[in-house]
Amino acid sequence: MAVIGAPVFSLQEASQQVRTAMAENYGSAPWETFGTKNDDVRAVYNKIFCVSKDKVPIFITRASAVLPFSAERVFQTYWDANLELKWNASTVSSMQILRNNGNQQLVYQQHKTLSAASAKRDLLFDRQYERDGSGTYSITAVSHPDDSVRPVEREYVRAKIVFHGVQIKPISGKDQCEVTWIWCLDFCGWLHAKFIEQEFTHVAMRISRLAKNVPTGPAPAPAAPQQRIERPAPVNAPKGAGFCPKCGAARGEGKYCGGCGELLSTALGSVF
């Protein structure tokens, strides 16, 4: 019988959970195969991790794909907040980088409504990445333990990332990489089974859309620690052209640049 209530993990503990899920034989029980229509993704697998306090099953979902891009390009596409609003547009409506310490960030997201009968969800989570000597990126995310950092708005329910991980592994001798995605989410409230299954599909969709939004042009340099940013930097769905005059990042509808936190309404004039 699955445990009632999702455990709370630190980033280090979440990273271990991700490694365990990646190492398991997902081709046999208790893992089950979930069909997908995304050509980039070979298959989606899931198994019950635990049962929430609301008696809703919490699944671990696993998907992988070989993408025709370098690990660097795919990582930069995943990590960039402005680009996530393109490849994760089916889920995320707005995003803020509340704290940026180079390879660690505190992130706030508002998600789109699942149905008229259910509340909208938001997420407050920590994430980090590591890059090893082979050029493999390992990304881990887990819900932030203190909700008061970004209080929940009235029309939202705060969902919890139990653990999430992405491994982006270069394929030797080719301009390709293998992406493996682990996702374990507690919706924090009752939800119809069809929306839980829909989340399995979304995992495959995210990998497929990630591949379709990798920028072309010169290959990016390996990721390096960035300057610490303390000011929240709201980023909303992209609209029109324009770039931040301070760091050059593409602007969105938010008043602040998602890259450096520059106040765009002042820097660019009245564009909103």
Foldseek 3Di string as FASTA:
>chain_A
DFAEAQDADDQVRLLVVVVVVVPDPLVDPPKDWDDAPQPFKPTKIKHFRHAYNQRHTWIKIKIKGKFQAALQLLVVLVVQQQNCCQLLVQWFFWKKFQKAFFQKTWIKTWTDDPDPVDFTEIATKMKGWDADPQRKIKIKMWGDPDCVVPPDDPRYDYKTFSMWMWIWGGDPPHRMTMIMIIGIIGRPHDDDPVSVSVVSRSVSSSVSSSSVRRDDDDRDDHGDGDDIANHMFIAGHADDFDADPPPGHTHRPDQARRPHGDRCCVVVPNDD
